[in-house]
ModelCIF file with pLDDT and N, C-alpha, C, O atoms, coordinates in Angstrom:
data_MODEL
#
_entry.id   MODEL 
#
_entity.id                         1 
_entity.type                       polymer 
_entity.pdbx_number_of_molecules   1 
#
_entity_poly.entity_id                      1 
_entity_poly.type                           'polypeptide(L)' 
_entity_poly.nstd_linkage                   no 
_entity_poly.nstd_monomer                   no 
_entity_poly.pdbx_seq_one_letter_code       KRMKYLLLCVPAFFACNKELDVEKKGSYTTANYWRNQSDAVDGITGIY 
_entity_poly.pdbx_seq_one_letter_code_can   KRMKYLLLCVPAFFACNKELDVEKKGSYTTANYWRNQSDAVDGITGIY 
_entity_poly.pdbx_strand_id                 A 
#
loop_
_entity_poly_seq.entity_id 
_entity_poly_seq.num 
_entity_poly_seq.mon_id 
_entity_poly_seq.hetero 
1 1  LYS n 
1 2  ARG n 
1 3  MET n 
1 4  LYS n 
1 5  TYR n 
1 6  LEU n 
1 7  LEU n 
1 8  LEU n 
1 9  CYS n 
1 10 VAL n 
1 11 PRO n 
1 12 ALA n 
1 13 PHE n 
1 14 PHE n 
1 15 ALA n 
1 16 CYS n 
1 17 ASN n 
1 18 LYS n 
1 19 GLU n 
1 20 LEU n 
1 21 ASP n 
1 22 VAL n 
1 23 GLU n 
1 24 LYS n 
1 25 LYS n 
1 26 GLY n 
1 27 SER n 
1 28 TYR n 
1 29 THR n 
1 30 THR n 
1 31 ALA n 
1 32 ASN n 
1 33 TYR n 
1 34 TRP n 
1 35 ARG n 
1 36 ASN n 
1 37 GLN n 
1 38 SER n 
1 39 ASP n 
1 40 ALA n 
1 41 VAL n 
1 42 ASP n 
1 43 GLY n 
1 44 ILE n 
1 45 THR n 
1 46 GLY n 
1 47 ILE n 
1 48 TYR n 
#
_struct_asym.id          A 
_struct_asym.entity_id   1 
#
loop_
_ma_qa_metric.id 
_ma_qa_metric.mode 
_ma_qa_metric.name 
_ma_qa_metric.software_group_id 
_ma_qa_metric.type 
1 global pLDDT . pLDDT 
2 local  pLDDT . pLDDT 
#
_ma_qa_metric_global.metric_id      1 
_ma_qa_metric_global.metric_value   58.25 
_ma_qa_metric_global.model_id       1 
_ma_qa_metric_global.ordinal_id     1 
#
loop_
_ma_qa_metric_local.label_asym_id 
_ma_qa_metric_local.label_comp_id 
_ma_qa_metric_local.label_seq_id 
_ma_qa_metric_local.metric_id 
_ma_qa_metric_local.metric_value 
_ma_qa_metric_local.model_id 
_ma_qa_metric_local.ordinal_id 
A LYS 1  2 32.00 1 1  
A ARG 2  2 31.00 1 2  
A MET 3  2 28.00 1 3  
A LYS 4  2 29.00 1 4  
A TYR 5  2 29.00 1 5  
A LEU 6  2 27.00 1 6  
A LEU 7  2 30.00 1 7  
A LEU 8  2 33.00 1 8  
A CYS 9  2 30.00 1 9  
A VAL 10 2 33.00 1 10 
A PRO 11 2 33.00 1 11 
A ALA 12 2 34.00 1 12 
A PHE 13 2 31.00 1 13 
A PHE 14 2 30.00 1 14 
A ALA 15 2 34.00 1 15 
A CYS 16 2 35.00 1 16 
A ASN 17 2 34.00 1 17 
A LYS 18 2 30.00 1 18 
A GLU 19 2 31.00 1 19 
A LEU 20 2 28.00 1 20 
A ASP 21 2 34.00 1 21 
A VAL 22 2 34.00 1 22 
A GLU 23 2 44.00 1 23 
A LYS 24 2 44.00 1 24 
A LYS 25 2 50.00 1 25 
A GLY 26 2 54.00 1 26 
A SER 27 2 60.00 1 27 
A TYR 28 2 60.00 1 28 
A THR 29 2 65.00 1 29 
A THR 30 2 63.00 1 30 
A ALA 31 2 60.00 1 31 
A ASN 32 2 74.00 1 32 
A TYR 33 2 88.00 1 33 
A TRP 34 2 93.00 1 34 
A ARG 35 2 94.00 1 35 
A ASN 36 2 96.00 1 36 
A GLN 37 2 97.00 1 37 
A SER 38 2 96.00 1 38 
A ASP 39 2 96.00 1 39 
A ALA 40 2 97.00 1 40 
A VAL 41 2 97.00 1 41 
A ASP 42 2 96.00 1 42 
A GLY 43 2 97.00 1 43 
A ILE 44 2 98.00 1 44 
A THR 45 2 96.00 1 45 
A GLY 46 2 96.00 1 46 
A ILE 47 2 98.00 1 47 
A TYR 48 2 97.00 1 48 
#
loop_
_atom_site.group_PDB 
_atom_site.id 
_atom_site.type_symbol 
_atom_site.label_atom_id 
_atom_site.label_alt_id 
_atom_site.label_comp_id 
_atom_site.label_asym_id 
_atom_site.label_entity_id 
_atom_site.label_seq_id 
_atom_site.pdbx_PDB_ins_code 
_atom_site.Cartn_x 
_atom_site.Cartn_y 
_atom_site.Cartn_z 
_atom_site.occupancy 
_atom_site.B_iso_or_equiv 
_atom_site.pdbx_formal_charge 
_atom_site.auth_seq_id 
_atom_site.auth_comp_id 
_atom_site.auth_asym_id 
_atom_site.auth_atom_id 
_atom_site.pdbx_PDB_model_num 
ATOM 1   N N  . LYS A 1 1  ? 0.808  -1.061 -0.119  1.00 32.00 ? 1  LYS A N  1 
ATOM 2   C CA . LYS A 1 1  ? 0.164  -0.006 -0.003  1.00 32.00 ? 1  LYS A CA 1 
ATOM 3   C C  . LYS A 1 1  ? 0.697  1.258  -0.216  1.00 32.00 ? 1  LYS A C  1 
ATOM 4   O O  . LYS A 1 1  ? 1.910  1.221  -0.006  1.00 32.00 ? 1  LYS A O  1 
ATOM 5   N N  . ARG A 1 2  ? 0.353  2.236  -0.506  1.00 31.00 ? 2  ARG A N  1 
ATOM 6   C CA . ARG A 1 2  ? 1.314  3.293  -0.818  1.00 31.00 ? 2  ARG A CA 1 
ATOM 7   C C  . ARG A 1 2  ? 0.405  4.713  -1.136  1.00 31.00 ? 2  ARG A C  1 
ATOM 8   O O  . ARG A 1 2  ? -0.457 4.833  -2.007  1.00 31.00 ? 2  ARG A O  1 
ATOM 9   N N  . MET A 1 3  ? 0.972  5.984  0.060   1.00 28.00 ? 3  MET A N  1 
ATOM 10  C CA . MET A 1 3  ? -0.182 6.802  -0.009  1.00 28.00 ? 3  MET A CA 1 
ATOM 11  C C  . MET A 1 3  ? 0.451  7.661  -1.189  1.00 28.00 ? 3  MET A C  1 
ATOM 12  O O  . MET A 1 3  ? 1.678  7.621  -1.098  1.00 28.00 ? 3  MET A O  1 
ATOM 13  N N  . LYS A 1 4  ? 0.068  8.337  -2.142  1.00 29.00 ? 4  LYS A N  1 
ATOM 14  C CA . LYS A 1 4  ? 0.358  9.517  -3.355  1.00 29.00 ? 4  LYS A CA 1 
ATOM 15  C C  . LYS A 1 4  ? 0.156  10.868 -3.255  1.00 29.00 ? 4  LYS A C  1 
ATOM 16  O O  . LYS A 1 4  ? -1.003 11.181 -2.982  1.00 29.00 ? 4  LYS A O  1 
ATOM 17  N N  . TYR A 1 5  ? 1.004  11.832 -3.407  1.00 29.00 ? 5  TYR A N  1 
ATOM 18  C CA . TYR A 1 5  ? 0.798  12.960 -3.358  1.00 29.00 ? 5  TYR A CA 1 
ATOM 19  C C  . TYR A 1 5  ? 1.232  13.849 -4.395  1.00 29.00 ? 5  TYR A C  1 
ATOM 20  O O  . TYR A 1 5  ? 2.270  13.607 -5.011  1.00 29.00 ? 5  TYR A O  1 
ATOM 21  N N  . LEU A 1 6  ? 0.304  15.181 -4.722  1.00 27.00 ? 6  LEU A N  1 
ATOM 22  C CA . LEU A 1 6  ? 0.685  15.864 -5.316  1.00 27.00 ? 6  LEU A CA 1 
ATOM 23  C C  . LEU A 1 6  ? 1.855  16.729 -5.190  1.00 27.00 ? 6  LEU A C  1 
ATOM 24  O O  . LEU A 1 6  ? 1.779  17.401 -4.162  1.00 27.00 ? 6  LEU A O  1 
ATOM 25  N N  . LEU A 1 7  ? 2.868  16.940 -5.845  1.00 30.00 ? 7  LEU A N  1 
ATOM 26  C CA . LEU A 1 7  ? 4.331  17.477 -5.735  1.00 30.00 ? 7  LEU A CA 1 
ATOM 27  C C  . LEU A 1 7  ? 4.445  19.010 -6.087  1.00 30.00 ? 7  LEU A C  1 
ATOM 28  O O  . LEU A 1 7  ? 4.578  19.480 -7.217  1.00 30.00 ? 7  LEU A O  1 
ATOM 29  N N  . LEU A 1 8  ? 4.366  19.691 -4.903  1.00 33.00 ? 8  LEU A N  1 
ATOM 30  C CA . LEU A 1 8  ? 4.276  21.077 -4.913  1.00 33.00 ? 8  LEU A CA 1 
ATOM 31  C C  . LEU A 1 8  ? 6.384  21.485 -5.462  1.00 33.00 ? 8  LEU A C  1 
ATOM 32  O O  . LEU A 1 8  ? 7.342  21.130 -4.775  1.00 33.00 ? 8  LEU A O  1 
ATOM 33  N N  . CYS A 1 9  ? 6.444  21.985 -6.322  1.00 30.00 ? 9  CYS A N  1 
ATOM 34  C CA . CYS A 1 9  ? 8.144  22.359 -6.839  1.00 30.00 ? 9  CYS A CA 1 
ATOM 35  C C  . CYS A 1 9  ? 8.555  23.071 -6.118  1.00 30.00 ? 9  CYS A C  1 
ATOM 36  O O  . CYS A 1 9  ? 7.929  24.085 -6.430  1.00 30.00 ? 9  CYS A O  1 
ATOM 37  N N  . VAL A 1 10 ? 9.302  23.394 -5.172  1.00 33.00 ? 10 VAL A N  1 
ATOM 38  C CA . VAL A 1 10 ? 9.171  24.437 -3.973  1.00 33.00 ? 10 VAL A CA 1 
ATOM 39  C C  . VAL A 1 10 ? 11.132 23.771 -3.724  1.00 33.00 ? 10 VAL A C  1 
ATOM 40  O O  . VAL A 1 10 ? 11.547 22.673 -3.351  1.00 33.00 ? 10 VAL A O  1 
ATOM 41  N N  . PRO A 1 11 ? 11.807 24.930 -4.102  1.00 33.00 ? 11 PRO A N  1 
ATOM 42  C CA . PRO A 1 11 ? 13.560 24.316 -3.555  1.00 33.00 ? 11 PRO A CA 1 
ATOM 43  C C  . PRO A 1 11 ? 13.082 24.273 -2.534  1.00 33.00 ? 11 PRO A C  1 
ATOM 44  O O  . PRO A 1 11 ? 12.090 24.831 -2.065  1.00 33.00 ? 11 PRO A O  1 
ATOM 45  N N  . ALA A 1 12 ? 14.371 23.031 -1.821  1.00 34.00 ? 12 ALA A N  1 
ATOM 46  C CA . ALA A 1 12 ? 14.316 22.396 -0.921  1.00 34.00 ? 12 ALA A CA 1 
ATOM 47  C C  . ALA A 1 12 ? 13.239 21.397 -0.125  1.00 34.00 ? 12 ALA A C  1 
ATOM 48  O O  . ALA A 1 12 ? 13.418 20.562 0.762   1.00 34.00 ? 12 ALA A O  1 
ATOM 49  N N  . PHE A 1 13 ? 12.111 21.822 -0.787  1.00 31.00 ? 13 PHE A N  1 
ATOM 50  C CA . PHE A 1 13 ? 10.655 21.211 -0.214  1.00 31.00 ? 13 PHE A CA 1 
ATOM 51  C C  . PHE A 1 13 ? 9.878  20.476 -0.615  1.00 31.00 ? 13 PHE A C  1 
ATOM 52  O O  . PHE A 1 13 ? 9.227  21.017 -1.509  1.00 31.00 ? 13 PHE A O  1 
ATOM 53  N N  . PHE A 1 14 ? 9.559  19.424 -0.416  1.00 30.00 ? 14 PHE A N  1 
ATOM 54  C CA . PHE A 1 14 ? 7.962  18.945 -1.377  1.00 30.00 ? 14 PHE A CA 1 
ATOM 55  C C  . PHE A 1 14 ? 6.849  19.158 -0.313  1.00 30.00 ? 14 PHE A C  1 
ATOM 56  O O  . PHE A 1 14 ? 6.960  18.590 0.774   1.00 30.00 ? 14 PHE A O  1 
ATOM 57  N N  . ALA A 1 15 ? 5.558  20.119 -0.634  1.00 34.00 ? 15 ALA A N  1 
ATOM 58  C CA . ALA A 1 15 ? 4.491  20.204 -0.016  1.00 34.00 ? 15 ALA A CA 1 
ATOM 59  C C  . ALA A 1 15 ? 3.412  18.942 -0.353  1.00 34.00 ? 15 ALA A C  1 
ATOM 60  O O  . ALA A 1 15 ? 3.007  18.741 -1.498  1.00 34.00 ? 15 ALA A O  1 
ATOM 61  N N  . CYS A 1 16 ? 3.055  18.221 0.673   1.00 35.00 ? 16 CYS A N  1 
ATOM 62  C CA . CYS A 1 16 ? 2.312  16.959 0.352   1.00 35.00 ? 16 CYS A CA 1 
ATOM 63  C C  . CYS A 1 16 ? 0.994  17.327 0.545   1.00 35.00 ? 16 CYS A C  1 
ATOM 64  O O  . CYS A 1 16 ? 0.995  17.271 1.774   1.00 35.00 ? 16 CYS A O  1 
ATOM 65  N N  . ASN A 1 17 ? 0.396  17.505 0.389   1.00 34.00 ? 17 ASN A N  1 
ATOM 66  C CA . ASN A 1 17 ? -1.366 18.097 0.618   1.00 34.00 ? 17 ASN A CA 1 
ATOM 67  C C  . ASN A 1 17 ? -2.134 17.499 0.386   1.00 34.00 ? 17 ASN A C  1 
ATOM 68  O O  . ASN A 1 17 ? -3.047 17.504 1.213   1.00 34.00 ? 17 ASN A O  1 
ATOM 69  N N  . LYS A 1 18 ? -2.310 16.573 -0.885  1.00 30.00 ? 18 LYS A N  1 
ATOM 70  C CA . LYS A 1 18 ? -3.256 16.659 -2.098  1.00 30.00 ? 18 LYS A CA 1 
ATOM 71  C C  . LYS A 1 18 ? -3.111 15.051 -2.054  1.00 30.00 ? 18 LYS A C  1 
ATOM 72  O O  . LYS A 1 18 ? -2.094 14.480 -1.660  1.00 30.00 ? 18 LYS A O  1 
ATOM 73  N N  . GLU A 1 19 ? -4.484 14.288 -2.596  1.00 31.00 ? 19 GLU A N  1 
ATOM 74  C CA . GLU A 1 19 ? -4.182 13.232 -3.236  1.00 31.00 ? 19 GLU A CA 1 
ATOM 75  C C  . GLU A 1 19 ? -4.157 13.067 -4.458  1.00 31.00 ? 19 GLU A C  1 
ATOM 76  O O  . GLU A 1 19 ? -4.409 14.052 -5.151  1.00 31.00 ? 19 GLU A O  1 
ATOM 77  N N  . LEU A 1 20 ? -3.873 11.883 -5.063  1.00 28.00 ? 20 LEU A N  1 
ATOM 78  C CA . LEU A 1 20 ? -3.878 11.817 -6.407  1.00 28.00 ? 20 LEU A CA 1 
ATOM 79  C C  . LEU A 1 20 ? -5.424 12.009 -6.911  1.00 28.00 ? 20 LEU A C  1 
ATOM 80  O O  . LEU A 1 20 ? -6.516 12.151 -6.361  1.00 28.00 ? 20 LEU A O  1 
ATOM 81  N N  . ASP A 1 21 ? -4.828 11.923 -8.528  1.00 34.00 ? 21 ASP A N  1 
ATOM 82  C CA . ASP A 1 21 ? -6.246 12.545 -9.185  1.00 34.00 ? 21 ASP A CA 1 
ATOM 83  C C  . ASP A 1 21 ? -6.807 13.878 -9.029  1.00 34.00 ? 21 ASP A C  1 
ATOM 84  O O  . ASP A 1 21 ? -8.016 14.104 -9.074  1.00 34.00 ? 21 ASP A O  1 
ATOM 85  N N  . VAL A 1 22 ? -5.415 15.231 -8.745  1.00 34.00 ? 22 VAL A N  1 
ATOM 86  C CA . VAL A 1 22 ? -5.799 16.594 -8.662  1.00 34.00 ? 22 VAL A CA 1 
ATOM 87  C C  . VAL A 1 22 ? -5.097 16.940 -9.738  1.00 34.00 ? 22 VAL A C  1 
ATOM 88  O O  . VAL A 1 22 ? -4.279 16.272 -10.371 1.00 34.00 ? 22 VAL A O  1 
ATOM 89  N N  . GLU A 1 23 ? -5.445 17.957 -9.893  1.00 44.00 ? 23 GLU A N  1 
ATOM 90  C CA . GLU A 1 23 ? -4.689 18.561 -11.071 1.00 44.00 ? 23 GLU A CA 1 
ATOM 91  C C  . GLU A 1 23 ? -3.555 18.868 -10.228 1.00 44.00 ? 23 GLU A C  1 
ATOM 92  O O  . GLU A 1 23 ? -3.679 18.913 -9.004  1.00 44.00 ? 23 GLU A O  1 
ATOM 93  N N  . LYS A 1 24 ? -2.074 19.156 -11.021 1.00 44.00 ? 24 LYS A N  1 
ATOM 94  C CA . LYS A 1 24 ? -0.902 20.162 -10.426 1.00 44.00 ? 24 LYS A CA 1 
ATOM 95  C C  . LYS A 1 24 ? -1.545 21.618 -10.701 1.00 44.00 ? 24 LYS A C  1 
ATOM 96  O O  . LYS A 1 24 ? -2.289 21.945 -11.626 1.00 44.00 ? 24 LYS A O  1 
ATOM 97  N N  . LYS A 1 25 ? -0.996 22.481 -9.522  1.00 50.00 ? 25 LYS A N  1 
ATOM 98  C CA . LYS A 1 25 ? -1.654 23.688 -9.801  1.00 50.00 ? 25 LYS A CA 1 
ATOM 99  C C  . LYS A 1 25 ? -0.668 24.504 -9.916  1.00 50.00 ? 25 LYS A C  1 
ATOM 100 O O  . LYS A 1 25 ? -0.960 25.682 -10.125 1.00 50.00 ? 25 LYS A O  1 
ATOM 101 N N  . GLY A 1 26 ? 0.327  24.242 -9.846  1.00 54.00 ? 26 GLY A N  1 
ATOM 102 C CA . GLY A 1 26 ? 1.313  25.015 -10.518 1.00 54.00 ? 26 GLY A CA 1 
ATOM 103 C C  . GLY A 1 26 ? 2.673  24.702 -10.291 1.00 54.00 ? 26 GLY A C  1 
ATOM 104 O O  . GLY A 1 26 ? 2.844  23.614 -9.741  1.00 54.00 ? 26 GLY A O  1 
ATOM 105 N N  . SER A 1 27 ? 3.850  25.459 -10.607 1.00 60.00 ? 27 SER A N  1 
ATOM 106 C CA . SER A 1 27 ? 4.772  25.197 -10.362 1.00 60.00 ? 27 SER A CA 1 
ATOM 107 C C  . SER A 1 27 ? 5.562  26.504 -9.745  1.00 60.00 ? 27 SER A C  1 
ATOM 108 O O  . SER A 1 27 ? 5.526  27.614 -10.275 1.00 60.00 ? 27 SER A O  1 
ATOM 109 N N  . TYR A 1 28 ? 6.265  26.197 -8.564  1.00 60.00 ? 28 TYR A N  1 
ATOM 110 C CA . TYR A 1 28 ? 6.859  27.326 -7.913  1.00 60.00 ? 28 TYR A CA 1 
ATOM 111 C C  . TYR A 1 28 ? 7.972  27.432 -7.206  1.00 60.00 ? 28 TYR A C  1 
ATOM 112 O O  . TYR A 1 28 ? 8.711  26.486 -6.932  1.00 60.00 ? 28 TYR A O  1 
ATOM 113 N N  . THR A 1 29 ? 8.113  28.420 -6.928  1.00 65.00 ? 29 THR A N  1 
ATOM 114 C CA . THR A 1 29 ? 10.105 28.509 -6.831  1.00 65.00 ? 29 THR A CA 1 
ATOM 115 C C  . THR A 1 29 ? 10.248 29.348 -5.325  1.00 65.00 ? 29 THR A C  1 
ATOM 116 O O  . THR A 1 29 ? 9.287  29.576 -4.592  1.00 65.00 ? 29 THR A O  1 
ATOM 117 N N  . THR A 1 30 ? 10.947 29.546 -5.185  1.00 63.00 ? 30 THR A N  1 
ATOM 118 C CA . THR A 1 30 ? 10.936 30.383 -3.368  1.00 63.00 ? 30 THR A CA 1 
ATOM 119 C C  . THR A 1 30 ? 10.417 32.402 -4.394  1.00 63.00 ? 30 THR A C  1 
ATOM 120 O O  . THR A 1 30 ? 9.718  33.355 -4.053  1.00 63.00 ? 30 THR A O  1 
ATOM 121 N N  . ALA A 1 31 ? 11.174 32.122 -5.496  1.00 60.00 ? 31 ALA A N  1 
ATOM 122 C CA . ALA A 1 31 ? 10.135 34.072 -5.905  1.00 60.00 ? 31 ALA A CA 1 
ATOM 123 C C  . ALA A 1 31 ? 8.901  33.760 -5.577  1.00 60.00 ? 31 ALA A C  1 
ATOM 124 O O  . ALA A 1 31 ? 8.488  34.695 -4.892  1.00 60.00 ? 31 ALA A O  1 
ATOM 125 N N  . ASN A 1 32 ? 8.154  33.026 -5.680  1.00 74.00 ? 32 ASN A N  1 
ATOM 126 C CA . ASN A 1 32 ? 6.732  32.539 -5.757  1.00 74.00 ? 32 ASN A CA 1 
ATOM 127 C C  . ASN A 1 32 ? 6.208  32.500 -4.721  1.00 74.00 ? 32 ASN A C  1 
ATOM 128 O O  . ASN A 1 32 ? 5.390  33.228 -4.159  1.00 74.00 ? 32 ASN A O  1 
ATOM 129 N N  . TYR A 1 33 ? 6.795  31.449 -4.420  1.00 88.00 ? 33 TYR A N  1 
ATOM 130 C CA . TYR A 1 33 ? 6.470  30.886 -2.904  1.00 88.00 ? 33 TYR A CA 1 
ATOM 131 C C  . TYR A 1 33 ? 6.070  31.255 -1.419  1.00 88.00 ? 33 TYR A C  1 
ATOM 132 O O  . TYR A 1 33 ? 5.003  31.869 -1.446  1.00 88.00 ? 33 TYR A O  1 
ATOM 133 N N  . TRP A 1 34 ? 6.492  31.115 -0.289  1.00 93.00 ? 34 TRP A N  1 
ATOM 134 C CA . TRP A 1 34 ? 6.155  31.668 0.481   1.00 93.00 ? 34 TRP A CA 1 
ATOM 135 C C  . TRP A 1 34 ? 6.066  33.259 0.549   1.00 93.00 ? 34 TRP A C  1 
ATOM 136 O O  . TRP A 1 34 ? 6.975  34.088 0.575   1.00 93.00 ? 34 TRP A O  1 
ATOM 137 N N  . ARG A 1 35 ? 4.508  33.443 0.572   1.00 94.00 ? 35 ARG A N  1 
ATOM 138 C CA . ARG A 1 35 ? 4.171  34.463 -0.032  1.00 94.00 ? 35 ARG A CA 1 
ATOM 139 C C  . ARG A 1 35 ? 2.732  34.765 1.207   1.00 94.00 ? 35 ARG A C  1 
ATOM 140 O O  . ARG A 1 35 ? 2.094  35.815 1.123   1.00 94.00 ? 35 ARG A O  1 
ATOM 141 N N  . ASN A 1 36 ? 2.349  33.577 2.414   1.00 96.00 ? 36 ASN A N  1 
ATOM 142 C CA . ASN A 1 36 ? 1.299  34.590 2.800   1.00 96.00 ? 36 ASN A CA 1 
ATOM 143 C C  . ASN A 1 36 ? 1.448  32.837 3.756   1.00 96.00 ? 36 ASN A C  1 
ATOM 144 O O  . ASN A 1 36 ? 2.188  31.863 3.616   1.00 96.00 ? 36 ASN A O  1 
ATOM 145 N N  . GLN A 1 37 ? 0.309  33.185 4.698   1.00 97.00 ? 37 GLN A N  1 
ATOM 146 C CA . GLN A 1 37 ? 0.139  32.332 5.934   1.00 97.00 ? 37 GLN A CA 1 
ATOM 147 C C  . GLN A 1 37 ? -0.145 30.745 5.250   1.00 97.00 ? 37 GLN A C  1 
ATOM 148 O O  . GLN A 1 37 ? 0.234  29.770 5.899   1.00 97.00 ? 37 GLN A O  1 
ATOM 149 N N  . SER A 1 38 ? -0.729 30.578 4.108   1.00 96.00 ? 38 SER A N  1 
ATOM 150 C CA . SER A 1 38 ? -0.974 29.136 3.665   1.00 96.00 ? 38 SER A CA 1 
ATOM 151 C C  . SER A 1 38 ? 0.280  28.851 3.485   1.00 96.00 ? 38 SER A C  1 
ATOM 152 O O  . SER A 1 38 ? 0.830  27.992 4.175   1.00 96.00 ? 38 SER A O  1 
ATOM 153 N N  . ASP A 1 39 ? 0.970  29.581 2.457   1.00 96.00 ? 39 ASP A N  1 
ATOM 154 C CA . ASP A 1 39 ? 2.255  28.840 2.003   1.00 96.00 ? 39 ASP A CA 1 
ATOM 155 C C  . ASP A 1 39 ? 3.216  28.573 3.442   1.00 96.00 ? 39 ASP A C  1 
ATOM 156 O O  . ASP A 1 39 ? 3.959  27.594 3.517   1.00 96.00 ? 39 ASP A O  1 
ATOM 157 N N  . ALA A 1 40 ? 3.114  29.373 4.323   1.00 97.00 ? 40 ALA A N  1 
ATOM 158 C CA . ALA A 1 40 ? 4.028  28.804 5.443   1.00 97.00 ? 40 ALA A CA 1 
ATOM 159 C C  . ALA A 1 40 ? 3.688  27.465 6.153   1.00 97.00 ? 40 ALA A C  1 
ATOM 160 O O  . ALA A 1 40 ? 4.344  26.424 6.180   1.00 97.00 ? 40 ALA A O  1 
ATOM 161 N N  . VAL A 1 41 ? 2.258  27.825 6.833   1.00 97.00 ? 41 VAL A N  1 
ATOM 162 C CA . VAL A 1 41 ? 1.717  26.668 7.330   1.00 97.00 ? 41 VAL A CA 1 
ATOM 163 C C  . VAL A 1 41 ? 2.225  24.873 6.212   1.00 97.00 ? 41 VAL A C  1 
ATOM 164 O O  . VAL A 1 41 ? 2.742  23.858 6.679   1.00 97.00 ? 41 VAL A O  1 
ATOM 165 N N  . ASP A 1 42 ? 1.903  25.074 5.072   1.00 96.00 ? 42 ASP A N  1 
ATOM 166 C CA . ASP A 1 42 ? 2.077  24.109 3.439   1.00 96.00 ? 42 ASP A CA 1 
ATOM 167 C C  . ASP A 1 42 ? 3.429  24.015 3.578   1.00 96.00 ? 42 ASP A C  1 
ATOM 168 O O  . ASP A 1 42 ? 3.875  22.983 3.077   1.00 96.00 ? 42 ASP A O  1 
ATOM 169 N N  . GLY A 1 43 ? 4.420  24.888 4.195   1.00 97.00 ? 43 GLY A N  1 
ATOM 170 C CA . GLY A 1 43 ? 5.651  24.687 3.937   1.00 97.00 ? 43 GLY A CA 1 
ATOM 171 C C  . GLY A 1 43 ? 6.485  23.382 5.237   1.00 97.00 ? 43 GLY A C  1 
ATOM 172 O O  . GLY A 1 43 ? 7.309  22.476 5.112   1.00 97.00 ? 43 GLY A O  1 
ATOM 173 N N  . ILE A 1 44 ? 5.830  23.864 6.203   1.00 98.00 ? 44 ILE A N  1 
ATOM 174 C CA . ILE A 1 44 ? 6.346  23.072 7.580   1.00 98.00 ? 44 ILE A CA 1 
ATOM 175 C C  . ILE A 1 44 ? 5.285  21.907 7.271   1.00 98.00 ? 44 ILE A C  1 
ATOM 176 O O  . ILE A 1 44 ? 5.979  20.898 7.147   1.00 98.00 ? 44 ILE A O  1 
ATOM 177 N N  . THR A 1 45 ? 4.516  21.707 7.165   1.00 96.00 ? 45 THR A N  1 
ATOM 178 C CA . THR A 1 45 ? 3.514  20.453 6.990   1.00 96.00 ? 45 THR A CA 1 
ATOM 179 C C  . THR A 1 45 ? 4.488  19.377 6.041   1.00 96.00 ? 45 THR A C  1 
ATOM 180 O O  . THR A 1 45 ? 4.464  18.153 6.163   1.00 96.00 ? 45 THR A O  1 
ATOM 181 N N  . GLY A 1 46 ? 5.255  20.064 5.172   1.00 96.00 ? 46 GLY A N  1 
ATOM 182 C CA . GLY A 1 46 ? 6.246  19.257 4.252   1.00 96.00 ? 46 GLY A CA 1 
ATOM 183 C C  . GLY A 1 46 ? 7.537  18.704 4.476   1.00 96.00 ? 46 GLY A C  1 
ATOM 184 O O  . GLY A 1 46 ? 8.293  18.118 3.702   1.00 96.00 ? 46 GLY A O  1 
ATOM 185 N N  . ILE A 1 47 ? 7.681  19.080 6.011   1.00 98.00 ? 47 ILE A N  1 
ATOM 186 C CA . ILE A 1 47 ? 8.534  19.154 7.008   1.00 98.00 ? 47 ILE A CA 1 
ATOM 187 C C  . ILE A 1 47 ? 8.027  17.936 7.669   1.00 98.00 ? 47 ILE A C  1 
ATOM 188 O O  . ILE A 1 47 ? 8.813  16.999 7.534   1.00 98.00 ? 47 ILE A O  1 
ATOM 189 N N  . TYR A 1 48 ? 6.967  17.651 8.340   1.00 97.00 ? 48 TYR A N  1 
ATOM 190 C CA . TYR A 1 48 ? 6.556  17.114 9.175   1.00 97.00 ? 48 TYR A CA 1 
ATOM 191 C C  . TYR A 1 48 ? 6.821  15.568 7.997   1.00 97.00 ? 48 TYR A C  1 
ATOM 192 O O  . TYR A 1 48 ? 6.513  14.440 8.381   1.00 97.00 ? 48 TYR A O  1 
#
Protein backbone atom coordinates (compact mmCIF):
# COMPACT_ATOMS: atom_id res chain seq x y z
CA LYS A 1 0.00 0.00 0.00
CA ARG A 2 1.31 3.47 -0.90
CA MET A 3 0.11 6.99 -0.29
CA LYS A 4 0.53 9.23 -3.31
CA TYR A 5 0.82 13.00 -3.17
CA LEU A 6 0.76 15.99 -5.47
CA LEU A 7 4.26 17.45 -5.41
CA LEU A 8 4.60 21.21 -5.27
CA CYS A 9 7.96 21.94 -6.83
CA VAL A 10 9.46 24.27 -4.25
CA PRO A 11 13.23 24.37 -3.80
CA ALA A 12 14.30 22.43 -0.72
CA PHE A 13 10.93 20.93 0.08
CA PHE A 14 7.88 19.14 -1.22
CA ALA A 15 4.54 20.09 0.29
CA CYS A 16 2.48 16.93 0.36
CA ASN A 17 -1.12 17.93 0.86
CA LYS A 18 -3.33 16.51 -1.90
CA GLU A 19 -4.41 13.05 -2.91
CA LEU A 20 -3.76 11.55 -6.31
CA ASP A 21 -6.25 12.42 -9.05
CA VAL A 22 -6.08 16.18 -8.60
CA GLU A 23 -4.57 18.58 -11.09
CA LYS A 24 -1.14 20.01 -10.63
CA LYS A 25 -1.80 23.60 -9.54
CA GLY A 26 1.42 25.15 -10.75
CA SER A 27 5.17 25.31 -10.40
CA TYR A 28 6.62 27.24 -7.51
CA THR A 29 10.01 28.72 -6.73
CA THR A 30 11.31 30.72 -3.80
CA ALA A 31 10.41 33.83 -5.81
CA ASN A 32 6.68 33.05 -5.90
CA TYR A 33 6.12 30.71 -2.95
CA TRP A 34 6.43 31.82 0.74
CA ARG A 35 3.84 34.55 0.12
CA ASN A 36 1.31 34.13 2.89
CA GLN A 37 0.15 32.11 5.88
CA SER A 38 -1.07 29.19 3.78
CA ASP A 39 2.33 28.85 2.14
CA ALA A 40 4.05 28.92 5.53
CA VAL A 41 1.80 26.26 7.04
CA ASP A 42 2.09 24.03 3.95
CA GLY A 43 5.85 24.45 3.97
CA ILE A 44 6.03 23.25 7.57
CA THR A 45 3.71 20.35 6.75
CA GLY A 46 6.28 19.37 4.15
CA ILE A 47 8.82 18.95 6.96
CA TYR A 48 6.51 16.71 9.01
